[in-house]
Amino acid sequence: MGFGKTFSLSLVAFIALNFIFSILYLALGPGFDELLNRFNPSSPQYAPLMIIYYLFGAIASVPSILLNWVIILPIFPPNILDFLIIGLGFLIAPLIAAILAGKFAESKLQGFAGWVLTAVISTIALVICIILSPTFEATMTSTYGWSGFELILISLAISCVVNIIFYGFFALLVSKTEYY
């Protein structure tokens, strides 16, 4: 497979798995009213660009925070399973996307580059949404505790680099062996 196919497969898998786990999160957690309020112009939570977060949100969190959501938070009361579902989704989606990028690439470089481009495009999509929607910025502030546009950009850039390194290892691990 060429680089374009590797990248597109990684991106489609990343978006699809984020979408599936977001639907599971909404179905088991707060309900679909939260999603529908985002598209109702008379609602104070009106933010139609929030759908981008449901598709690309996994790139905004570093794996250590996600492991905290999955392992530590469900143990202590109140046992809120929302963090477990969304944390698992945010861990599994990039992992599967990176593994697919590495598996279907012709070389290790193509597999790693396919995952890097997927992570960078996901981060850029979130940055564009933050620029265009103040409600989206407020949601990111309340979700992650980031205050201020500059801090959000720095945190997203750090998260992108950490995710590239962490999940890029798996893309390199499963890619084909190159003989010189």
N, C-alpha and C. Protein backbone atom coordinates (compact mmCIF):
# COMPACT_ATOMS: atom_id res chain seq x y z
N MET A 1 0.84 -1.18 0.00
CA MET A 1 0.00 0.00 0.00
C MET A 1 0.88 1.23 0.00
N GLY A 2 0.45 2.24 -0.69
CA GLY A 2 1.19 3.48 -0.72
C GLY A 2 0.93 4.32 0.52
N PHE A 3 1.65 5.43 0.59
CA PHE A 3 1.52 6.30 1.76
C PHE A 3 0.11 6.87 1.87
N GLY A 4 -0.48 7.26 0.76
CA GLY A 4 -1.83 7.84 0.79
C GLY A 4 -2.86 6.87 1.34
N LYS A 5 -2.76 5.62 0.91
CA LYS A 5 -3.70 4.61 1.41
C LYS A 5 -3.46 4.33 2.89
N THR A 6 -2.22 4.29 3.29
CA THR A 6 -1.89 4.06 4.70
C THR A 6 -2.44 5.19 5.57
N PHE A 7 -2.21 6.42 5.14
CA PHE A 7 -2.70 7.57 5.89
C PHE A 7 -4.22 7.60 5.93
N SER A 8 -4.87 7.39 4.79
CA SER A 8 -6.33 7.45 4.77
C SER A 8 -6.96 6.33 5.60
N LEU A 9 -6.38 5.15 5.58
CA LEU A 9 -6.88 4.06 6.41
C LEU A 9 -6.74 4.40 7.90
N SER A 10 -5.62 4.98 8.26
CA SER A 10 -5.39 5.38 9.65
C SER A 10 -6.38 6.46 10.08
N LEU A 11 -6.60 7.45 9.23
CA LEU A 11 -7.51 8.55 9.55
C LEU A 11 -8.95 8.06 9.66
N VAL A 12 -9.37 7.22 8.72
CA VAL A 12 -10.75 6.71 8.75
C VAL A 12 -10.97 5.83 9.98
N ALA A 13 -10.00 4.99 10.32
CA ALA A 13 -10.13 4.15 11.52
C ALA A 13 -10.18 5.01 12.78
N PHE A 14 -9.36 6.05 12.83
CA PHE A 14 -9.34 6.94 13.99
C PHE A 14 -10.68 7.64 14.16
N ILE A 15 -11.21 8.19 13.08
CA ILE A 15 -12.50 8.89 13.15
C ILE A 15 -13.63 7.93 13.48
N ALA A 16 -13.65 6.77 12.83
CA ALA A 16 -14.73 5.82 13.05
C ALA A 16 -14.75 5.31 14.49
N LEU A 17 -13.60 4.97 15.04
CA LEU A 17 -13.56 4.47 16.41
C LEU A 17 -13.90 5.56 17.42
N ASN A 18 -13.46 6.79 17.17
CA ASN A 18 -13.86 7.89 18.04
C ASN A 18 -15.37 8.09 17.99
N PHE A 19 -15.95 7.99 16.81
CA PHE A 19 -17.40 8.15 16.67
C PHE A 19 -18.14 7.05 17.43
N ILE A 20 -17.70 5.81 17.29
CA ILE A 20 -18.36 4.69 17.95
C ILE A 20 -18.29 4.84 19.47
N PHE A 21 -17.11 5.17 20.00
CA PHE A 21 -17.00 5.32 21.45
C PHE A 21 -17.70 6.57 21.96
N SER A 22 -17.82 7.61 21.14
CA SER A 22 -18.59 8.78 21.56
C SER A 22 -20.07 8.45 21.64
N ILE A 23 -20.57 7.65 20.70
CA ILE A 23 -21.97 7.22 20.76
C ILE A 23 -22.20 6.35 21.99
N LEU A 24 -21.26 5.44 22.28
CA LEU A 24 -21.38 4.62 23.49
C LEU A 24 -21.37 5.49 24.75
N TYR A 25 -20.49 6.47 24.77
CA TYR A 25 -20.41 7.38 25.92
C TYR A 25 -21.72 8.13 26.11
N LEU A 26 -22.27 8.66 25.02
CA LEU A 26 -23.52 9.40 25.12
C LEU A 26 -24.69 8.49 25.48
N ALA A 27 -24.67 7.26 24.98
CA ALA A 27 -25.77 6.34 25.27
C ALA A 27 -25.74 5.87 26.72
N LEU A 28 -24.56 5.61 27.26
CA LEU A 28 -24.46 5.09 28.63
C LEU A 28 -24.31 6.19 29.67
N GLY A 29 -23.92 7.38 29.26
CA GLY A 29 -23.67 8.45 30.22
C GLY A 29 -24.75 9.50 30.23
N PRO A 30 -24.41 10.69 29.76
CA PRO A 30 -25.34 11.82 29.91
C PRO A 30 -26.56 11.76 28.99
N GLY A 31 -26.55 10.94 27.99
CA GLY A 31 -27.68 10.84 27.08
C GLY A 31 -27.47 11.67 25.83
N PHE A 32 -28.35 11.46 24.88
CA PHE A 32 -28.22 12.15 23.60
C PHE A 32 -28.74 13.59 23.66
N ASP A 33 -29.37 13.97 24.77
CA ASP A 33 -29.82 15.35 24.91
C ASP A 33 -28.64 16.31 24.91
N GLU A 34 -27.52 15.89 25.47
CA GLU A 34 -26.32 16.72 25.46
C GLU A 34 -25.88 17.01 24.03
N LEU A 35 -25.92 15.99 23.19
CA LEU A 35 -25.52 16.17 21.79
C LEU A 35 -26.53 17.03 21.05
N LEU A 36 -27.82 16.80 21.28
CA LEU A 36 -28.86 17.55 20.58
C LEU A 36 -28.88 19.01 21.00
N ASN A 37 -28.53 19.31 22.25
CA ASN A 37 -28.46 20.70 22.70
C ASN A 37 -27.36 21.47 21.99
N ARG A 38 -26.34 20.76 21.52
CA ARG A 38 -25.25 21.42 20.80
C ARG A 38 -25.71 21.97 19.45
N PHE A 39 -26.79 21.41 18.90
CA PHE A 39 -27.27 21.83 17.58
C PHE A 39 -28.53 22.68 17.65
N ASN A 40 -29.01 23.01 18.84
CA ASN A 40 -30.19 23.83 19.02
C ASN A 40 -29.76 25.28 19.25
N PRO A 41 -30.04 26.18 18.28
CA PRO A 41 -29.56 27.57 18.42
C PRO A 41 -30.09 28.30 19.65
N SER A 42 -31.23 27.88 20.19
CA SER A 42 -31.77 28.56 21.37
C SER A 42 -31.17 28.04 22.67
N SER A 43 -30.37 27.00 22.60
CA SER A 43 -29.76 26.41 23.80
C SER A 43 -28.49 27.18 24.17
N PRO A 44 -28.24 27.35 25.48
CA PRO A 44 -26.98 28.02 25.87
C PRO A 44 -25.74 27.18 25.57
N GLN A 45 -25.93 25.89 25.32
CA GLN A 45 -24.81 25.01 25.00
C GLN A 45 -24.61 24.87 23.49
N TYR A 46 -25.17 25.78 22.71
CA TYR A 46 -25.11 25.70 21.25
C TYR A 46 -23.67 25.74 20.77
N ALA A 47 -23.21 24.65 20.21
CA ALA A 47 -21.86 24.56 19.65
C ALA A 47 -21.86 23.45 18.61
N PRO A 48 -22.26 23.76 17.38
CA PRO A 48 -22.32 22.70 16.37
C PRO A 48 -20.95 22.12 16.03
N LEU A 49 -19.89 22.86 16.30
CA LEU A 49 -18.55 22.34 16.02
C LEU A 49 -18.10 21.30 17.04
N MET A 50 -18.92 21.06 18.06
CA MET A 50 -18.58 20.06 19.07
C MET A 50 -18.52 18.66 18.46
N ILE A 51 -19.17 18.46 17.33
CA ILE A 51 -19.11 17.15 16.66
C ILE A 51 -17.67 16.85 16.25
N ILE A 52 -16.88 17.88 15.97
CA ILE A 52 -15.47 17.68 15.64
C ILE A 52 -14.72 17.10 16.84
N TYR A 53 -15.09 17.55 18.04
CA TYR A 53 -14.45 16.99 19.24
C TYR A 53 -14.81 15.52 19.40
N TYR A 54 -16.04 15.16 19.07
CA TYR A 54 -16.43 13.76 19.18
C TYR A 54 -15.71 12.89 18.15
N LEU A 55 -15.26 13.49 17.05
CA LEU A 55 -14.55 12.73 16.02
C LEU A 55 -13.03 12.74 16.20
N PHE A 56 -12.48 13.82 16.74
CA PHE A 56 -11.02 13.95 16.84
C PHE A 56 -10.53 14.15 18.27
N GLY A 57 -11.39 14.02 19.27
CA GLY A 57 -11.05 14.39 20.64
C GLY A 57 -9.97 13.55 21.30
N ALA A 58 -9.73 12.36 20.79
CA ALA A 58 -8.74 11.48 21.43
C ALA A 58 -7.34 12.07 21.38
N ILE A 59 -7.08 12.93 20.45
CA ILE A 59 -5.73 13.48 20.30
C ILE A 59 -5.47 14.58 21.34
N ALA A 60 -6.51 15.07 22.00
CA ALA A 60 -6.35 16.15 22.98
C ALA A 60 -5.87 15.66 24.33
N SER A 61 -5.88 14.37 24.56
CA SER A 61 -5.48 13.82 25.87
C SER A 61 -4.23 12.96 25.72
N VAL A 62 -3.34 13.11 26.68
CA VAL A 62 -2.15 12.27 26.68
C VAL A 62 -2.50 10.91 27.30
N PRO A 63 -1.78 9.86 26.93
CA PRO A 63 -2.12 8.52 27.42
C PRO A 63 -2.08 8.37 28.94
N SER A 64 -1.25 9.12 29.64
CA SER A 64 -1.20 8.99 31.10
C SER A 64 -2.50 9.45 31.75
N ILE A 65 -3.09 10.51 31.24
CA ILE A 65 -4.38 10.98 31.76
C ILE A 65 -5.46 9.96 31.43
N LEU A 66 -5.41 9.40 30.25
CA LEU A 66 -6.41 8.41 29.86
C LEU A 66 -6.31 7.15 30.71
N LEU A 67 -5.11 6.73 31.04
CA LEU A 67 -4.96 5.58 31.93
C LEU A 67 -5.50 5.89 33.32
N ASN A 68 -5.36 7.12 33.76
CA ASN A 68 -5.95 7.54 35.03
C ASN A 68 -7.48 7.44 34.96
N TRP A 69 -8.06 7.88 33.84
CA TRP A 69 -9.52 7.81 33.67
C TRP A 69 -10.00 6.36 33.66
N VAL A 70 -9.21 5.47 33.07
CA VAL A 70 -9.65 4.08 32.89
C VAL A 70 -9.38 3.24 34.14
N ILE A 71 -8.26 3.45 34.81
CA ILE A 71 -7.87 2.57 35.91
C ILE A 71 -8.26 3.14 37.28
N ILE A 72 -7.95 4.39 37.54
CA ILE A 72 -8.10 4.95 38.88
C ILE A 72 -9.51 5.46 39.16
N LEU A 73 -10.07 6.28 38.29
CA LEU A 73 -11.35 6.91 38.58
C LEU A 73 -12.52 5.95 38.76
N PRO A 74 -12.64 4.86 38.01
CA PRO A 74 -13.77 3.95 38.26
C PRO A 74 -13.71 3.21 39.60
N ILE A 75 -12.55 3.19 40.25
CA ILE A 75 -12.40 2.47 41.51
C ILE A 75 -13.05 3.23 42.67
N PHE A 76 -12.85 4.54 42.71
CA PHE A 76 -13.30 5.33 43.84
C PHE A 76 -14.73 5.83 43.63
N PRO A 77 -15.49 5.95 44.74
CA PRO A 77 -16.87 6.44 44.62
C PRO A 77 -16.87 7.91 44.26
N PRO A 78 -17.84 8.43 43.59
CA PRO A 78 -18.91 7.66 42.95
C PRO A 78 -18.37 6.95 41.71
N ASN A 79 -18.77 5.75 41.51
CA ASN A 79 -18.27 4.94 40.40
C ASN A 79 -18.92 5.41 39.10
N ILE A 80 -18.33 6.42 38.52
CA ILE A 80 -18.86 6.97 37.28
C ILE A 80 -18.19 6.24 36.12
N LEU A 81 -18.98 5.57 35.33
CA LEU A 81 -18.43 4.80 34.22
C LEU A 81 -18.22 5.64 32.96
N ASP A 82 -18.61 6.92 33.02
CA ASP A 82 -18.41 7.80 31.87
C ASP A 82 -16.92 7.90 31.53
N PHE A 83 -16.10 8.08 32.56
CA PHE A 83 -14.66 8.20 32.33
C PHE A 83 -14.08 6.90 31.79
N LEU A 84 -14.62 5.78 32.22
CA LEU A 84 -14.13 4.49 31.73
C LEU A 84 -14.42 4.34 30.25
N ILE A 85 -15.64 4.65 29.83
CA ILE A 85 -16.02 4.49 28.42
C ILE A 85 -15.24 5.46 27.54
N ILE A 86 -15.24 6.74 27.89
CA ILE A 86 -14.56 7.71 27.03
C ILE A 86 -13.05 7.53 27.11
N GLY A 87 -12.53 7.12 28.25
CA GLY A 87 -11.09 6.87 28.36
C GLY A 87 -10.66 5.68 27.53
N LEU A 88 -11.45 4.60 27.57
CA LEU A 88 -11.14 3.45 26.72
C LEU A 88 -11.21 3.82 25.24
N GLY A 89 -12.21 4.60 24.89
CA GLY A 89 -12.33 5.03 23.49
C GLY A 89 -11.16 5.88 23.06
N PHE A 90 -10.74 6.80 23.94
CA PHE A 90 -9.63 7.68 23.61
C PHE A 90 -8.30 6.94 23.61
N LEU A 91 -8.22 5.80 24.29
CA LEU A 91 -7.01 4.97 24.24
C LEU A 91 -7.01 4.04 23.03
N ILE A 92 -8.14 3.43 22.75
CA ILE A 92 -8.22 2.39 21.72
C ILE A 92 -8.20 2.99 20.31
N ALA A 93 -8.88 4.12 20.10
CA ALA A 93 -8.96 4.69 18.75
C ALA A 93 -7.59 5.03 18.16
N PRO A 94 -6.72 5.78 18.86
CA PRO A 94 -5.41 6.04 18.27
C PRO A 94 -4.53 4.79 18.19
N LEU A 95 -4.70 3.88 19.14
CA LEU A 95 -3.90 2.65 19.13
C LEU A 95 -4.22 1.82 17.89
N ILE A 96 -5.49 1.61 17.60
CA ILE A 96 -5.89 0.84 16.42
C ILE A 96 -5.49 1.58 15.14
N ALA A 97 -5.65 2.91 15.12
CA ALA A 97 -5.26 3.68 13.93
C ALA A 97 -3.76 3.57 13.67
N ALA A 98 -2.96 3.64 14.72
CA ALA A 98 -1.50 3.53 14.55
C ALA A 98 -1.11 2.12 14.12
N ILE A 99 -1.75 1.12 14.70
CA ILE A 99 -1.44 -0.26 14.31
C ILE A 99 -1.82 -0.51 12.85
N LEU A 100 -2.96 -0.01 12.42
CA LEU A 100 -3.36 -0.17 11.02
C LEU A 100 -2.41 0.58 10.09
N ALA A 101 -1.97 1.77 10.50
CA ALA A 101 -1.02 2.52 9.68
C ALA A 101 0.28 1.75 9.52
N GLY A 102 0.75 1.15 10.59
CA GLY A 102 1.99 0.37 10.51
C GLY A 102 1.82 -0.92 9.75
N LYS A 103 0.70 -1.59 9.93
CA LYS A 103 0.47 -2.90 9.32
C LYS A 103 0.34 -2.82 7.79
N PHE A 104 -0.34 -1.79 7.31
CA PHE A 104 -0.59 -1.71 5.88
C PHE A 104 0.40 -0.84 5.13
N ALA A 105 1.43 -0.35 5.80
CA ALA A 105 2.45 0.46 5.13
C ALA A 105 3.48 -0.43 4.46
N GLU A 106 4.13 0.11 3.44
CA GLU A 106 5.17 -0.64 2.75
C GLU A 106 6.50 -0.58 3.50
N SER A 107 6.67 0.43 4.33
CA SER A 107 7.91 0.56 5.09
C SER A 107 7.60 1.13 6.47
N LYS A 108 8.58 1.08 7.33
CA LYS A 108 8.40 1.63 8.67
C LYS A 108 8.17 3.13 8.62
N LEU A 109 8.88 3.80 7.73
CA LEU A 109 8.73 5.25 7.60
C LEU A 109 7.32 5.62 7.17
N GLN A 110 6.77 4.90 6.20
CA GLN A 110 5.41 5.19 5.75
C GLN A 110 4.38 4.96 6.85
N GLY A 111 4.56 3.90 7.62
CA GLY A 111 3.64 3.62 8.72
C GLY A 111 3.68 4.71 9.78
N PHE A 112 4.88 5.10 10.16
CA PHE A 112 5.02 6.15 11.17
C PHE A 112 4.51 7.48 10.64
N ALA A 113 4.85 7.80 9.38
CA ALA A 113 4.41 9.06 8.79
C ALA A 113 2.90 9.11 8.63
N GLY A 114 2.28 7.97 8.33
CA GLY A 114 0.82 7.93 8.23
C GLY A 114 0.17 8.25 9.56
N TRP A 115 0.72 7.71 10.65
CA TRP A 115 0.18 8.02 11.97
C TRP A 115 0.46 9.48 12.35
N VAL A 116 1.66 9.99 12.03
CA VAL A 116 2.00 11.38 12.34
C VAL A 116 1.03 12.33 11.65
N LEU A 117 0.76 12.09 10.38
CA LEU A 117 -0.14 12.96 9.64
C LEU A 117 -1.57 12.88 10.20
N THR A 118 -2.00 11.71 10.61
CA THR A 118 -3.32 11.57 11.24
C THR A 118 -3.39 12.38 12.52
N ALA A 119 -2.37 12.30 13.35
CA ALA A 119 -2.35 13.05 14.62
C ALA A 119 -2.31 14.55 14.39
N VAL A 120 -1.51 14.99 13.43
CA VAL A 120 -1.39 16.42 13.16
C VAL A 120 -2.70 16.98 12.59
N ILE A 121 -3.33 16.26 11.68
CA ILE A 121 -4.60 16.72 11.12
C ILE A 121 -5.68 16.77 12.20
N SER A 122 -5.68 15.81 13.10
CA SER A 122 -6.65 15.81 14.19
C SER A 122 -6.44 17.02 15.11
N THR A 123 -5.20 17.33 15.41
CA THR A 123 -4.91 18.49 16.25
C THR A 123 -5.29 19.78 15.55
N ILE A 124 -5.01 19.88 14.27
CA ILE A 124 -5.36 21.08 13.51
C ILE A 124 -6.87 21.26 13.46
N ALA A 125 -7.62 20.17 13.33
CA ALA A 125 -9.09 20.26 13.33
C ALA A 125 -9.59 20.82 14.66
N LEU A 126 -9.01 20.38 15.76
CA LEU A 126 -9.42 20.91 17.07
C LEU A 126 -9.04 22.37 17.24
N VAL A 127 -7.87 22.76 16.74
CA VAL A 127 -7.44 24.16 16.85
C VAL A 127 -8.36 25.06 16.03
N ILE A 128 -8.75 24.63 14.85
CA ILE A 128 -9.66 25.42 14.02
C ILE A 128 -11.01 25.59 14.72
N CYS A 129 -11.49 24.55 15.36
CA CYS A 129 -12.76 24.65 16.09
C CYS A 129 -12.64 25.60 17.28
N ILE A 130 -11.51 25.60 17.95
CA ILE A 130 -11.31 26.51 19.08
C ILE A 130 -11.28 27.95 18.59
N ILE A 131 -10.68 28.19 17.43
CA ILE A 131 -10.62 29.53 16.87
C ILE A 131 -12.01 30.00 16.45
N LEU A 132 -12.81 29.13 15.87
CA LEU A 132 -14.10 29.51 15.32
C LEU A 132 -15.23 29.58 16.35
N SER A 133 -15.13 28.85 17.44
CA SER A 133 -16.25 28.77 18.38
C SER A 133 -15.80 29.06 19.81
N PRO A 134 -16.28 30.17 20.39
CA PRO A 134 -15.95 30.44 21.79
C PRO A 134 -16.58 29.42 22.74
N THR A 135 -17.73 28.86 22.38
CA THR A 135 -18.35 27.83 23.22
C THR A 135 -17.49 26.58 23.24
N PHE A 136 -16.90 26.24 22.10
CA PHE A 136 -16.00 25.09 22.03
C PHE A 136 -14.78 25.32 22.90
N GLU A 137 -14.26 26.55 22.88
CA GLU A 137 -13.12 26.89 23.74
C GLU A 137 -13.50 26.78 25.21
N ALA A 138 -14.70 27.23 25.57
CA ALA A 138 -15.16 27.13 26.96
C ALA A 138 -15.33 25.67 27.37
N THR A 139 -15.79 24.84 26.45
CA THR A 139 -15.94 23.42 26.75
C THR A 139 -14.59 22.77 26.98
N MET A 140 -13.61 23.09 26.16
CA MET A 140 -12.26 22.56 26.34
C MET A 140 -11.67 23.04 27.67
N THR A 141 -11.97 24.30 28.02
CA THR A 141 -11.48 24.83 29.29
C THR A 141 -12.09 24.08 30.47
N SER A 142 -13.39 23.82 30.40
CA SER A 142 -14.04 23.13 31.52
C SER A 142 -13.68 21.65 31.56
N THR A 143 -13.43 21.04 30.40
CA THR A 143 -13.11 19.62 30.37
C THR A 143 -11.70 19.34 30.86
N TYR A 144 -10.74 20.09 30.37
CA TYR A 144 -9.34 19.81 30.66
C TYR A 144 -8.71 20.77 31.67
N GLY A 145 -9.41 21.83 32.04
CA GLY A 145 -8.86 22.77 32.99
C GLY A 145 -7.88 23.76 32.38
N TRP A 146 -7.88 23.85 31.07
CA TRP A 146 -6.99 24.80 30.40
C TRP A 146 -7.70 26.14 30.33
N SER A 147 -7.04 27.21 30.73
CA SER A 147 -7.66 28.52 30.67
C SER A 147 -6.82 29.42 29.76
N GLY A 148 -7.46 29.99 28.81
CA GLY A 148 -6.77 30.88 27.89
C GLY A 148 -6.42 30.19 26.58
N PHE A 149 -6.51 30.96 25.52
CA PHE A 149 -6.28 30.42 24.18
C PHE A 149 -4.85 29.92 24.01
N GLU A 150 -3.89 30.66 24.53
CA GLU A 150 -2.49 30.26 24.37
C GLU A 150 -2.20 28.95 25.09
N LEU A 151 -2.74 28.80 26.29
CA LEU A 151 -2.52 27.57 27.04
C LEU A 151 -3.17 26.37 26.36
N ILE A 152 -4.33 26.60 25.76
CA ILE A 152 -4.99 25.51 25.01
C ILE A 152 -4.13 25.09 23.83
N LEU A 153 -3.58 26.05 23.10
CA LEU A 153 -2.73 25.72 21.94
C LEU A 153 -1.46 24.99 22.37
N ILE A 154 -0.84 25.45 23.44
CA ILE A 154 0.38 24.79 23.93
C ILE A 154 0.06 23.38 24.40
N SER A 155 -1.03 23.22 25.12
CA SER A 155 -1.41 21.89 25.62
C SER A 155 -1.76 20.94 24.48
N LEU A 156 -2.44 21.44 23.46
CA LEU A 156 -2.75 20.60 22.30
C LEU A 156 -1.49 20.20 21.55
N ALA A 157 -0.54 21.12 21.42
CA ALA A 157 0.72 20.79 20.74
C ALA A 157 1.51 19.74 21.52
N ILE A 158 1.58 19.90 22.83
CA ILE A 158 2.28 18.91 23.66
C ILE A 158 1.59 17.56 23.58
N SER A 159 0.27 17.58 23.64
CA SER A 159 -0.49 16.34 23.56
C SER A 159 -0.29 15.66 22.21
N CYS A 160 -0.23 16.44 21.14
CA CYS A 160 -0.01 15.87 19.81
C CYS A 160 1.36 15.19 19.74
N VAL A 161 2.38 15.84 20.26
CA VAL A 161 3.73 15.27 20.22
C VAL A 161 3.81 14.00 21.07
N VAL A 162 3.22 14.02 22.25
CA VAL A 162 3.24 12.84 23.12
C VAL A 162 2.49 11.68 22.47
N ASN A 163 1.34 11.98 21.86
CA ASN A 163 0.58 10.93 21.18
C ASN A 163 1.32 10.38 19.97
N ILE A 164 2.02 11.25 19.24
CA ILE A 164 2.80 10.78 18.09
C ILE A 164 3.88 9.81 18.56
N ILE A 165 4.57 10.16 19.62
CA ILE A 165 5.64 9.29 20.12
C ILE A 165 5.08 8.00 20.69
N PHE A 166 4.05 8.10 21.53
CA PHE A 166 3.51 6.92 22.21
C PHE A 166 2.88 5.94 21.22
N TYR A 167 1.98 6.42 20.38
CA TYR A 167 1.30 5.52 19.45
C TYR A 167 2.14 5.23 18.21
N GLY A 168 3.08 6.12 17.88
CA GLY A 168 3.98 5.86 16.76
C GLY A 168 4.85 4.65 17.00
N PHE A 169 5.14 4.37 18.27
CA PHE A 169 5.89 3.17 18.61
C PHE A 169 5.16 1.92 18.12
N PHE A 170 3.84 1.90 18.29
CA PHE A 170 3.06 0.74 17.86
C PHE A 170 3.01 0.64 16.33
N ALA A 171 2.99 1.79 15.65
CA ALA A 171 3.04 1.77 14.19
C ALA A 171 4.37 1.20 13.71
N LEU A 172 5.45 1.56 14.37
CA LEU A 172 6.76 1.01 14.00
C LEU A 172 6.88 -0.45 14.39
N LEU A 173 6.25 -0.84 15.46
CA LEU A 173 6.35 -2.21 15.96
C LEU A 173 5.72 -3.22 15.01
N VAL A 174 4.59 -2.88 14.42
CA VAL A 174 3.88 -3.85 13.58
C VAL A 174 4.19 -3.70 12.10
N SER A 175 4.99 -2.71 11.72
CA SER A 175 5.28 -2.54 10.29
C SER A 175 6.25 -3.61 9.81
N LYS A 176 6.31 -3.73 8.50
CA LYS A 176 7.13 -4.77 7.88
C LYS A 176 8.61 -4.53 8.14
N THR A 177 9.33 -5.61 8.24
CA THR A 177 10.78 -5.52 8.42
C THR A 177 11.42 -5.15 7.09
N GLU A 178 12.34 -4.21 7.15
CA GLU A 178 13.02 -3.78 5.94
C GLU A 178 14.40 -4.41 5.89
N TYR A 179 14.74 -4.93 4.74
CA TYR A 179 16.07 -5.51 4.53
C TYR A 179 16.83 -4.60 3.58
N TYR A 180 18.08 -4.33 3.92
CA TYR A 180 18.87 -3.42 3.10
C TYR A 180 19.91 -4.17 2.32
